[in-house]
Amino acid sequence: MARYDGRPKMNQFDVIVVGAGVAGLTAARLLANAGRRVVVLEARDRVGGRVWTDRTDGLTTDLGASWIHGITANPVAAAAEAIGMRTVEFTVGGYQPDSRPIAYYGANGERLSDDAARSFADDIRAVDAALVIAVAASEPHASYRDVTEVAISEQGWDRDRTERVREFMQHRSEEQYGAGIEELAAHGLDDDVIEGNEVVFPQGYDQLPGYLAAGLDVRLDHEVTHVRWSTDGVTVTVNHGTVTADTAIVTVPIGVLQSTDFIIEPTLPEPNAGAMGRLAMNAFEKVFLRFPTKFWDDGVYAIRQQGPEGGRWHSWYDFTPLHGTPTLLTFAAGPTAREIRQWNEEQVVDSVLEQLRRLYGDRVEQPTRVHITKWQDDPYARGSYAYMTRGSTTADHDDLATPIGGVLHIAGEATWTDDPATVTAALHSGHRAASNVLHRAIPIAEVWSNTSVFPSLST
């Protein structure tokens, strides 16, 4: 991977790929395998995009993507296995009410009994079943709040029981899509399906883009500001000049695609433009806390706080098994992410610890290490991933990827319908874009089948 060194380089290619995230690298690898002259232009000083692993404290912390949400028939899982990426099972990423041990704490700060926790999970399942019907019957501009209220009202529960389920549905919207429940489209969770176990990567998710990039012409520190297309080809303006090609694949996040700092000329036609306007970048940040000792419950994957006290911080995930260091992960999602955007680290930590002390008292110690992400402030992301606003339909994802003029293609996690907002969606979208450029179907296994190009994984 090359940084700009001031020397002239060949600037005429078959394909320009904008962005060295998983979508862009997948497309570039498949096209290079097919013999195309491909260049990948990346604004950052690293590959991976929103897959970003920090190792500054000697431990591995995935600041961006963390999970494979369901390994069954998942190409990311197949690629990880082929490459040799070690995984640890951690099946709580879908904000499910149980399936793995979860410690629930009631509104009074006391842990729920096993029977009470099971009853609560049954309530969630009852509403989920009613939601299928409510979503299908919803109006075009209905929110996820609207349909959950319909589903909850049908249950005939008392006020306290209703409030606990209502909170869960609100937090699900926030944790799954980083959007307030009133902001998310009624259909916003339609395709949020997890098949099989979920896994995380103790050695870092960034291994995947690192190996996808091996051997490719990836030019770091190349910030694209302008993409000009016509039926004759594409000219891309970067901070070092211009690059031309027959075709371009743009994989920047929705937040960048919608900004005035990234211009596509002529502007996107329909259906691309309409689809893009109905999607939005979310507000979703991670807060990792490492502690001297483990003061929380043994044998659980997650801790959840019910009641109004859990409005801001309500769920913590025990990442201790990854490295043996006591670690909790919580999310600032949707309204909370926007609320704390200007807070300093001390303010965030104090707020999280205040809530934990309601549950564990004086056993809660000051953390030895803190990681707080700032994806909202990242100019090359402007959020963590896309969500469907009110009025959007699931078709908007695929419509955004409709080929334009035979020369321009949009890819990325926001452009894949079946499992949007994931690395899986990014990989699928890159595969589709490469297939469209080549005008033929490509077996998706070609993304990872030639493992000889990858350096060996260190143990």
Protein backbone atom coordinates (compact mmCIF):
# COMPACT_ATOMS: atom_id res chain seq x y z
CA MET A 1 0.00 0.00 0.00
CA ALA A 2 1.45 3.29 -1.08
CA ARG A 3 1.33 6.78 0.33
CA TYR A 4 1.81 9.64 -2.07
CA ASP A 5 5.53 10.40 -2.46
CA GLY A 6 5.35 13.22 -5.00
CA ARG A 7 6.48 11.12 -7.94
CA PRO A 8 4.24 10.79 -11.01
CA LYS A 9 2.32 7.52 -11.34
CA MET A 10 0.21 6.01 -14.08
CA ASN A 11 -3.19 7.66 -13.75
CA GLN A 12 -5.22 5.76 -16.37
CA PHE A 13 -6.93 2.57 -15.20
CA ASP A 14 -9.70 0.21 -16.12
CA VAL A 15 -11.37 0.68 -12.74
CA ILE A 16 -11.04 3.20 -9.91
CA VAL A 17 -12.29 2.06 -6.53
CA VAL A 18 -12.97 4.87 -4.06
CA GLY A 19 -12.47 3.64 -0.51
CA ALA A 20 -10.37 0.82 0.96
CA GLY A 21 -12.97 -0.63 3.26
CA VAL A 22 -14.20 -4.19 2.91
CA ALA A 23 -16.57 -3.32 0.04
CA GLY A 24 -13.90 -1.54 -1.98
CA LEU A 25 -11.19 -4.12 -1.35
CA THR A 26 -13.53 -6.99 -2.21
CA ALA A 27 -14.42 -5.39 -5.54
CA ALA A 28 -10.79 -4.51 -6.28
CA ARG A 29 -9.53 -8.02 -5.51
CA LEU A 30 -12.09 -9.67 -7.76
CA LEU A 31 -11.42 -7.24 -10.60
CA ALA A 32 -7.66 -7.60 -10.26
CA ASN A 33 -8.08 -11.38 -10.33
CA ALA A 34 -9.95 -10.92 -13.62
CA GLY A 35 -7.01 -9.02 -15.10
CA ARG A 36 -8.34 -5.48 -14.80
CA ARG A 37 -6.01 -2.59 -14.02
CA VAL A 38 -7.42 -1.38 -10.70
CA VAL A 39 -6.42 1.37 -8.30
CA VAL A 40 -7.93 1.88 -4.85
CA LEU A 41 -7.96 5.47 -3.57
CA GLU A 42 -8.18 5.76 0.21
CA ALA A 43 -8.34 9.04 2.15
CA ARG A 44 -7.11 7.51 5.40
CA ASP A 45 -3.58 6.40 6.24
CA ARG A 46 -4.78 2.80 6.64
CA VAL A 47 -7.11 0.31 4.98
CA GLY A 48 -10.30 -1.02 6.55
CA GLY A 49 -12.56 2.03 6.74
CA ARG A 50 -14.97 1.38 9.58
CA VAL A 51 -13.13 -1.84 10.39
CA TRP A 52 -10.45 -0.44 12.70
CA THR A 53 -8.48 -2.29 15.37
CA ASP A 54 -6.50 -0.54 18.11
CA ARG A 55 -3.51 -2.26 19.74
CA THR A 56 -1.91 0.63 21.61
CA ASP A 57 -2.30 -0.94 25.06
CA GLY A 58 -0.99 -4.33 23.97
CA LEU A 59 -4.52 -5.71 23.68
CA THR A 60 -6.80 -5.84 20.68
CA THR A 61 -9.78 -3.49 20.62
CA ASP A 62 -12.08 -3.31 17.60
CA LEU A 63 -13.21 0.31 17.52
CA GLY A 64 -15.37 -0.24 14.46
CA ALA A 65 -16.98 -3.52 13.40
CA SER A 66 -16.70 -6.27 16.03
CA TRP A 67 -19.06 -9.12 15.23
CA ILE A 68 -19.96 -11.51 12.49
CA HIS A 69 -23.69 -11.49 13.12
CA GLY A 70 -24.46 -15.12 12.32
CA ILE A 71 -21.82 -17.38 10.77
CA THR A 72 -24.22 -19.73 8.95
CA ALA A 73 -23.74 -19.40 5.17
CA ASN A 74 -21.93 -16.10 5.81
CA PRO A 75 -19.15 -15.22 3.33
CA VAL A 76 -17.28 -13.20 5.96
CA ALA A 77 -17.13 -16.29 8.16
CA ALA A 78 -15.91 -18.34 5.19
CA ALA A 79 -13.25 -15.74 4.41
CA ALA A 80 -12.14 -15.57 8.04
CA GLU A 81 -11.79 -19.34 8.18
CA ALA A 82 -9.82 -19.46 4.92
CA ILE A 83 -7.49 -16.72 6.06
CA GLY A 84 -7.04 -18.28 9.49
CA MET A 85 -8.64 -15.59 11.67
CA ARG A 86 -9.27 -16.89 15.19
CA THR A 87 -12.79 -16.35 16.52
CA VAL A 88 -14.57 -16.47 19.87
CA GLU A 89 -18.31 -17.16 20.10
CA PHE A 90 -20.23 -14.18 21.48
CA THR A 91 -23.90 -14.40 20.56
CA VAL A 92 -25.50 -11.26 21.95
CA GLY A 93 -24.90 -8.78 19.15
CA GLY A 94 -28.50 -8.86 17.94
CA TYR A 95 -29.95 -7.44 21.16
CA GLN A 96 -31.91 -10.61 21.74
CA PRO A 97 -33.66 -10.99 25.13
CA ASP A 98 -31.96 -14.25 26.05
CA SER A 99 -30.38 -17.16 24.05
CA ARG A 100 -27.20 -16.61 26.06
CA PRO A 101 -26.96 -15.82 29.81
CA ILE A 102 -27.93 -12.18 30.47
CA ALA A 103 -28.08 -10.59 33.93
CA TYR A 104 -31.21 -8.41 34.07
CA TYR A 105 -31.55 -5.75 36.75
CA GLY A 106 -34.95 -4.29 37.54
CA ALA A 107 -35.82 -0.63 37.84
CA ASN A 108 -34.93 -0.81 41.57
CA GLY A 109 -31.36 -1.96 40.79
CA GLU A 110 -31.94 -5.53 42.03
CA ARG A 111 -31.14 -8.48 39.80
CA LEU A 112 -34.16 -10.30 38.43
CA SER A 113 -34.66 -13.93 39.36
CA ASP A 114 -34.25 -16.51 36.61
CA ASP A 115 -38.02 -16.94 36.43
CA ALA A 116 -38.61 -13.20 36.13
CA ALA A 117 -35.97 -12.91 33.40
CA ARG A 118 -37.56 -15.77 31.47
CA SER A 119 -40.99 -14.16 31.76
CA PHE A 120 -39.60 -10.88 30.45
CA ALA A 121 -37.99 -12.66 27.48
CA ASP A 122 -41.33 -14.33 26.76
CA ASP A 123 -42.97 -10.89 26.72
CA ILE A 124 -40.43 -9.71 24.14
CA ARG A 125 -41.14 -12.72 21.96
CA ALA A 126 -44.89 -12.10 22.18
CA VAL A 127 -44.44 -8.52 20.99
CA ASP A 128 -42.01 -9.61 18.26
CA ALA A 129 -44.66 -11.98 16.91
CA ALA A 130 -47.24 -9.16 16.89
CA LEU A 131 -44.70 -6.83 15.28
CA VAL A 132 -44.55 -8.93 12.13
CA ILE A 133 -48.20 -8.17 11.49
CA ALA A 134 -47.98 -4.53 12.64
CA VAL A 135 -45.03 -3.77 10.36
CA ALA A 136 -46.68 -5.41 7.37
CA ALA A 137 -49.80 -3.27 7.90
CA SER A 138 -47.96 -0.02 8.65
CA GLU A 139 -48.28 3.23 6.73
CA PRO A 140 -45.37 4.29 4.45
CA HIS A 141 -44.04 6.93 6.87
CA ALA A 142 -44.59 4.95 10.07
CA SER A 143 -41.74 4.76 12.57
CA TYR A 144 -40.52 1.75 14.52
CA ARG A 145 -42.12 3.44 17.56
CA ASP A 146 -45.49 3.44 15.81
CA VAL A 147 -45.48 -0.28 15.07
CA THR A 148 -44.10 -1.32 18.45
CA GLU A 149 -46.86 0.64 20.17
CA VAL A 150 -49.44 -1.23 18.10
CA ALA A 151 -47.88 -4.58 18.98
CA ILE A 152 -47.57 -3.75 22.68
CA SER A 153 -51.10 -2.39 22.99
CA GLU A 154 -52.50 -5.71 21.79
CA GLN A 155 -51.06 -7.51 24.81
CA GLY A 156 -53.29 -5.91 27.44
CA TRP A 157 -50.55 -5.72 30.09
CA ASP A 158 -50.39 -3.49 33.15
CA ARG A 159 -48.37 -0.27 33.11
CA ASP A 160 -45.13 -1.62 34.60
CA ARG A 161 -44.99 -4.66 32.35
CA THR A 162 -45.73 -2.50 29.32
CA GLU A 163 -43.01 0.02 30.21
CA ARG A 164 -40.33 -2.65 30.54
CA VAL A 165 -41.07 -4.00 27.07
CA ARG A 166 -41.39 -0.51 25.61
CA GLU A 167 -37.90 0.32 26.96
CA PHE A 168 -36.47 -2.83 25.43
CA MET A 169 -37.87 -1.98 22.02
CA GLN A 170 -36.47 1.53 22.25
CA HIS A 171 -33.04 0.26 23.24
CA ARG A 172 -33.13 -2.34 20.47
CA SER A 173 -33.62 0.38 17.88
CA GLU A 174 -30.75 2.38 19.36
CA GLU A 175 -28.31 -0.51 19.69
CA GLN A 176 -29.11 -2.13 16.37
CA TYR A 177 -29.12 1.00 14.22
CA GLY A 178 -27.88 3.90 16.32
CA ALA A 179 -31.17 5.72 15.77
CA GLY A 180 -33.97 6.81 18.04
CA ILE A 181 -37.06 4.64 17.81
CA GLU A 182 -39.00 7.58 16.33
CA GLU A 183 -36.33 8.09 13.64
CA LEU A 184 -36.13 4.50 12.40
CA ALA A 185 -38.53 3.33 9.71
CA ALA A 186 -41.14 0.76 10.68
CA HIS A 187 -39.39 -1.63 8.31
CA GLY A 188 -35.96 -0.67 9.67
CA LEU A 189 -35.36 -4.01 11.37
CA ASP A 190 -37.04 -6.23 8.78
CA ASP A 191 -33.79 -7.70 7.51
CA ASP A 192 -32.01 -7.91 10.83
CA VAL A 193 -31.80 -11.71 10.79
CA ILE A 194 -29.04 -13.69 12.48
CA GLU A 195 -28.43 -17.27 11.37
CA GLY A 196 -26.14 -19.31 13.62
CA ASN A 197 -23.73 -18.18 16.31
CA GLU A 198 -22.13 -14.77 16.38
CA VAL A 199 -18.37 -14.45 16.75
CA VAL A 200 -15.76 -11.80 17.54
CA PHE A 201 -12.05 -11.64 16.77
CA PRO A 202 -9.53 -11.71 19.64
CA GLN A 203 -6.73 -10.80 17.20
CA GLY A 204 -8.69 -8.04 15.50
CA TYR A 205 -11.23 -7.67 12.69
CA ASP A 206 -8.72 -5.60 10.71
CA GLN A 207 -7.02 -8.80 9.64
CA LEU A 208 -9.75 -9.16 7.00
CA PRO A 209 -9.19 -5.88 5.11
CA GLY A 210 -5.46 -6.28 5.63
CA TYR A 211 -5.44 -9.54 3.72
CA LEU A 212 -7.92 -8.39 1.10
CA ALA A 213 -5.58 -5.48 0.33
CA ALA A 214 -2.47 -7.66 -0.11
CA GLY A 215 -0.98 -7.21 -3.58
CA LEU A 216 -3.43 -4.52 -4.68
CA ASP A 217 -2.54 -0.98 -5.80
CA VAL A 218 -3.95 0.84 -2.77
CA ARG A 219 -3.02 4.50 -2.50
CA LEU A 220 -3.37 5.84 1.01
CA ASP A 221 -3.75 9.52 1.88
CA HIS A 222 -5.64 10.01 -1.39
CA GLU A 223 -8.78 11.95 -0.50
CA VAL A 224 -11.35 11.96 -3.29
CA THR A 225 -13.38 15.16 -3.55
CA HIS A 226 -14.98 14.94 -6.99
CA VAL A 227 -16.21 12.13 -9.24
CA ARG A 228 -17.14 13.21 -12.77
CA TRP A 229 -18.81 10.57 -14.93
CA SER A 230 -20.15 10.25 -18.46
CA THR A 231 -20.79 7.38 -20.81
CA ASP A 232 -17.16 7.77 -21.92
CA GLY A 233 -15.68 7.06 -18.49
CA VAL A 234 -14.86 8.56 -15.13
CA THR A 235 -12.47 11.24 -13.86
CA VAL A 236 -11.75 11.31 -10.14
CA THR A 237 -10.18 14.31 -8.41
CA VAL A 238 -7.99 13.63 -5.40
CA ASN A 239 -5.79 15.85 -3.27
CA HIS A 240 -2.85 14.88 -5.51
CA GLY A 241 -4.42 15.46 -8.93
CA THR A 242 -6.80 13.49 -11.14
CA VAL A 243 -7.19 9.83 -12.06
CA THR A 244 -9.21 8.50 -15.00
CA ALA A 245 -10.73 5.13 -15.78
CA ASP A 246 -13.40 3.43 -17.79
CA THR A 247 -15.36 2.66 -14.63
CA ALA A 248 -15.50 3.69 -10.96
CA ILE A 249 -16.87 1.98 -7.87
CA VAL A 250 -17.66 4.41 -5.04
CA THR A 251 -17.77 2.80 -1.59
CA VAL A 252 -17.74 5.80 0.75
CA PRO A 253 -20.28 5.77 3.63
CA ILE A 254 -23.70 7.41 3.20
CA GLY A 255 -22.59 10.29 5.43
CA VAL A 256 -19.80 11.16 3.00
CA LEU A 257 -21.89 10.47 -0.10
CA GLN A 258 -24.47 13.00 1.12
CA SER A 259 -21.93 15.67 2.10
CA THR A 260 -20.88 18.74 0.15
CA ASP A 261 -17.25 17.64 0.49
CA PHE A 262 -17.81 14.75 -1.91
CA ILE A 263 -19.29 15.72 -5.27
CA ILE A 264 -20.61 13.38 -7.94
CA GLU A 265 -21.22 15.13 -11.24
CA PRO A 266 -23.70 14.83 -12.86
CA THR A 267 -25.70 14.23 -9.69
CA LEU A 268 -27.03 10.76 -9.09
CA PRO A 269 -30.13 9.89 -11.14
CA GLU A 270 -33.15 7.95 -9.97
CA PRO A 271 -33.55 5.50 -8.35
CA ASN A 272 -30.15 6.11 -6.73
CA ALA A 273 -30.83 9.68 -5.61
CA GLY A 274 -34.18 8.95 -4.00
CA ALA A 275 -32.81 5.92 -2.19
CA MET A 276 -29.83 7.88 -0.88
CA GLY A 277 -32.12 10.62 0.43
CA ARG A 278 -34.15 8.14 2.48
CA LEU A 279 -31.12 6.64 4.21
CA ALA A 280 -29.15 8.41 6.92
CA MET A 281 -25.93 7.95 8.88
CA ASN A 282 -26.45 7.02 12.50
CA ALA A 283 -25.01 8.13 15.84
CA PHE A 284 -23.37 5.14 17.50
CA GLU A 285 -20.22 5.08 19.65
CA LYS A 286 -18.44 2.37 21.62
CA VAL A 287 -17.19 2.77 25.18
CA PHE A 288 -14.66 0.14 26.25
CA LEU A 289 -13.69 0.03 29.94
CA ARG A 290 -10.87 -2.18 31.24
CA PHE A 291 -10.74 -2.74 35.01
CA PRO A 292 -8.22 -4.07 37.56
CA THR A 293 -10.67 -6.77 38.70
CA LYS A 294 -13.93 -8.26 37.50
CA PHE A 295 -16.66 -6.98 39.85
CA TRP A 296 -19.69 -8.02 37.79
CA ASP A 297 -21.66 -11.24 37.46
CA ASP A 298 -19.91 -14.46 36.53
CA GLY A 299 -21.19 -16.63 33.73
CA VAL A 300 -23.08 -13.96 31.78
CA TYR A 301 -22.57 -12.47 28.36
CA ALA A 302 -24.32 -9.20 29.11
CA ILE A 303 -25.75 -7.02 31.89
CA ARG A 304 -28.98 -5.09 31.28
CA GLN A 305 -30.59 -2.36 33.39
CA GLN A 306 -34.34 -1.88 33.17
CA GLY A 307 -36.28 1.21 34.15
CA PRO A 308 -35.75 4.94 33.63
CA GLU A 309 -32.26 4.79 35.19
CA GLY A 310 -31.20 2.81 32.12
CA GLY A 311 -32.23 5.51 29.69
CA ARG A 312 -28.65 6.42 28.83
CA TRP A 313 -26.56 3.37 29.84
CA HIS A 314 -28.53 0.13 29.96
CA SER A 315 -26.40 -2.68 28.51
CA TRP A 316 -22.85 -3.85 29.12
CA TYR A 317 -21.09 -6.73 27.37
CA ASP A 318 -18.40 -8.80 29.06
CA PHE A 319 -15.40 -8.92 26.71
CA THR A 320 -13.12 -10.47 29.36
CA PRO A 321 -12.97 -13.86 27.56
CA LEU A 322 -11.19 -12.31 24.57
CA HIS A 323 -7.94 -11.58 26.40
CA GLY A 324 -8.47 -12.43 30.08
CA THR A 325 -8.45 -8.74 31.07
CA PRO A 326 -11.66 -7.58 32.83
CA THR A 327 -13.41 -5.57 30.13
CA LEU A 328 -16.91 -4.18 29.64
CA LEU A 329 -18.25 -2.72 26.42
CA THR A 330 -21.25 -0.39 26.39
CA PHE A 331 -22.73 1.67 23.58
CA ALA A 332 -23.71 5.30 23.33
CA ALA A 333 -26.43 4.89 20.75
CA GLY A 334 -28.81 7.25 19.00
CA PRO A 335 -29.86 10.11 21.29
CA THR A 336 -27.16 9.25 23.87
CA ALA A 337 -24.42 9.36 21.25
CA ARG A 338 -25.52 12.83 20.23
CA GLU A 339 -25.84 13.92 23.87
CA ILE A 340 -22.28 12.95 24.84
CA ARG A 341 -20.68 14.09 21.58
CA GLN A 342 -19.05 17.10 23.24
CA TRP A 343 -18.29 15.37 26.55
CA ASN A 344 -14.70 14.66 27.50
CA GLU A 345 -13.53 11.19 28.51
CA GLU A 346 -13.85 11.88 32.24
CA GLN A 347 -17.49 12.95 31.86
CA VAL A 348 -18.37 9.83 29.88
CA VAL A 349 -16.62 7.50 32.30
CA ASP A 350 -18.19 9.14 35.35
CA SER A 351 -21.63 8.80 33.81
CA VAL A 352 -21.15 5.10 32.99
CA LEU A 353 -19.67 4.30 36.42
CA GLU A 354 -22.52 6.08 38.19
CA GLN A 355 -24.93 3.67 36.58
CA LEU A 356 -22.76 0.62 37.28
CA ARG A 357 -22.53 1.60 40.94
CA ARG A 358 -26.32 1.43 41.18
CA LEU A 359 -25.90 -2.27 40.46
CA TYR A 360 -22.58 -3.20 42.07
CA GLY A 361 -21.93 -0.51 44.68
CA ASP A 362 -18.41 0.08 45.94
CA ARG A 363 -17.07 -2.93 44.06
CA VAL A 364 -16.92 -0.73 40.94
CA GLU A 365 -13.35 0.53 40.48
CA GLN A 366 -11.92 3.19 38.22
CA PRO A 367 -10.99 1.73 34.84
CA THR A 368 -7.35 1.28 33.94
CA ARG A 369 -7.96 1.90 30.24
CA VAL A 370 -10.77 3.56 28.29
CA HIS A 371 -11.56 3.63 24.56
CA ILE A 372 -14.35 5.94 23.36
CA THR A 373 -14.98 6.11 19.64
CA LYS A 374 -15.77 9.30 17.71
CA TRP A 375 -17.29 8.07 14.46
CA GLN A 376 -19.68 11.02 14.28
CA ASP A 377 -16.69 13.35 14.05
CA ASP A 378 -14.74 11.26 11.54
CA PRO A 379 -14.83 13.21 8.23
CA TYR A 380 -14.48 9.96 6.25
CA ALA A 381 -17.40 8.25 7.99
CA ARG A 382 -19.70 10.84 9.66
CA GLY A 383 -21.30 8.09 11.69
CA SER A 384 -20.99 4.34 12.14
CA TYR A 385 -23.42 2.94 9.55
CA ALA A 386 -26.65 3.75 7.71
CA TYR A 387 -30.24 3.29 8.79
CA MET A 388 -33.64 3.58 7.10
CA THR A 389 -35.46 6.82 7.90
CA ARG A 390 -39.24 7.10 7.97
CA GLY A 391 -40.58 6.68 4.46
CA SER A 392 -37.75 4.40 3.41
CA THR A 393 -38.29 0.84 2.21
CA THR A 394 -35.93 -2.10 2.23
CA ALA A 395 -35.62 -1.75 -1.55
CA ASP A 396 -33.72 1.51 -1.06
CA HIS A 397 -30.55 -0.40 -0.22
CA ASP A 398 -30.43 -2.19 -3.56
CA ASP A 399 -31.77 0.81 -5.48
CA LEU A 400 -28.82 2.87 -4.30
CA ALA A 401 -26.52 0.33 -5.97
CA THR A 402 -28.23 0.50 -9.39
CA PRO A 403 -25.43 0.86 -12.02
CA ILE A 404 -25.25 4.38 -13.45
CA GLY A 405 -24.54 5.05 -17.11
CA GLY A 406 -22.64 1.80 -17.42
CA VAL A 407 -19.64 3.44 -15.74
CA LEU A 408 -20.46 4.26 -12.12
CA HIS A 409 -21.32 1.88 -9.29
CA ILE A 410 -22.17 2.52 -5.63
CA ALA A 411 -21.27 -0.11 -3.04
CA GLY A 412 -20.94 -0.43 0.71
CA GLU A 413 -22.91 -1.65 3.71
CA ALA A 414 -25.81 0.71 2.97
CA THR A 415 -26.38 -0.83 -0.47
CA TRP A 416 -27.20 -4.42 0.47
CA THR A 417 -30.75 -5.34 1.47
CA ASP A 418 -30.51 -8.72 3.17
CA ASP A 419 -28.16 -7.81 6.02
CA PRO A 420 -27.45 -4.07 5.86
CA ALA A 421 -25.13 -2.18 8.21
CA THR A 422 -22.69 -5.10 8.48
CA VAL A 423 -19.33 -6.20 7.12
CA THR A 424 -21.25 -9.03 5.46
CA ALA A 425 -23.28 -6.45 3.53
CA ALA A 426 -20.11 -4.59 2.56
CA LEU A 427 -18.49 -7.76 1.21
CA HIS A 428 -21.61 -8.78 -0.70
CA SER A 429 -21.94 -5.31 -2.20
CA GLY A 430 -18.33 -5.28 -3.36
CA HIS A 431 -18.82 -8.69 -4.95
CA ARG A 432 -21.95 -7.45 -6.75
CA ALA A 433 -20.20 -4.31 -8.01
CA ALA A 434 -17.33 -6.36 -9.45
CA SER A 435 -19.80 -8.72 -11.12
CA ASN A 436 -21.62 -5.75 -12.66
CA VAL A 437 -18.37 -4.28 -13.98
CA LEU A 438 -17.39 -7.61 -15.55
CA HIS A 439 -20.93 -8.28 -16.80
CA ARG A 440 -20.78 -11.83 -15.49
CA ALA A 441 -21.41 -13.76 -12.34
CA ILE A 442 -18.39 -14.36 -10.12
CA PRO A 443 -18.36 -17.08 -7.45
CA ILE A 444 -18.13 -15.18 -4.18
CA ALA A 445 -15.52 -17.65 -2.92
CA GLU A 446 -13.06 -16.05 -5.36
CA VAL A 447 -12.75 -13.26 -2.79
CA TRP A 448 -10.80 -15.55 -0.48
CA SER A 449 -9.97 -18.64 -2.54
CA ASN A 450 -6.44 -17.54 -3.47
CA THR A 451 -4.99 -17.52 0.05
CA SER A 452 -1.45 -17.65 -1.36
CA VAL A 453 -1.55 -13.87 -1.74
CA PHE A 454 -2.12 -13.42 1.99
CA PRO A 455 0.73 -13.24 4.46
CA SER A 456 0.63 -15.85 7.21
CA LEU A 457 -1.27 -14.95 10.35
CA SER A 458 0.89 -14.60 13.43
CA THR A 459 -0.20 -16.57 16.47
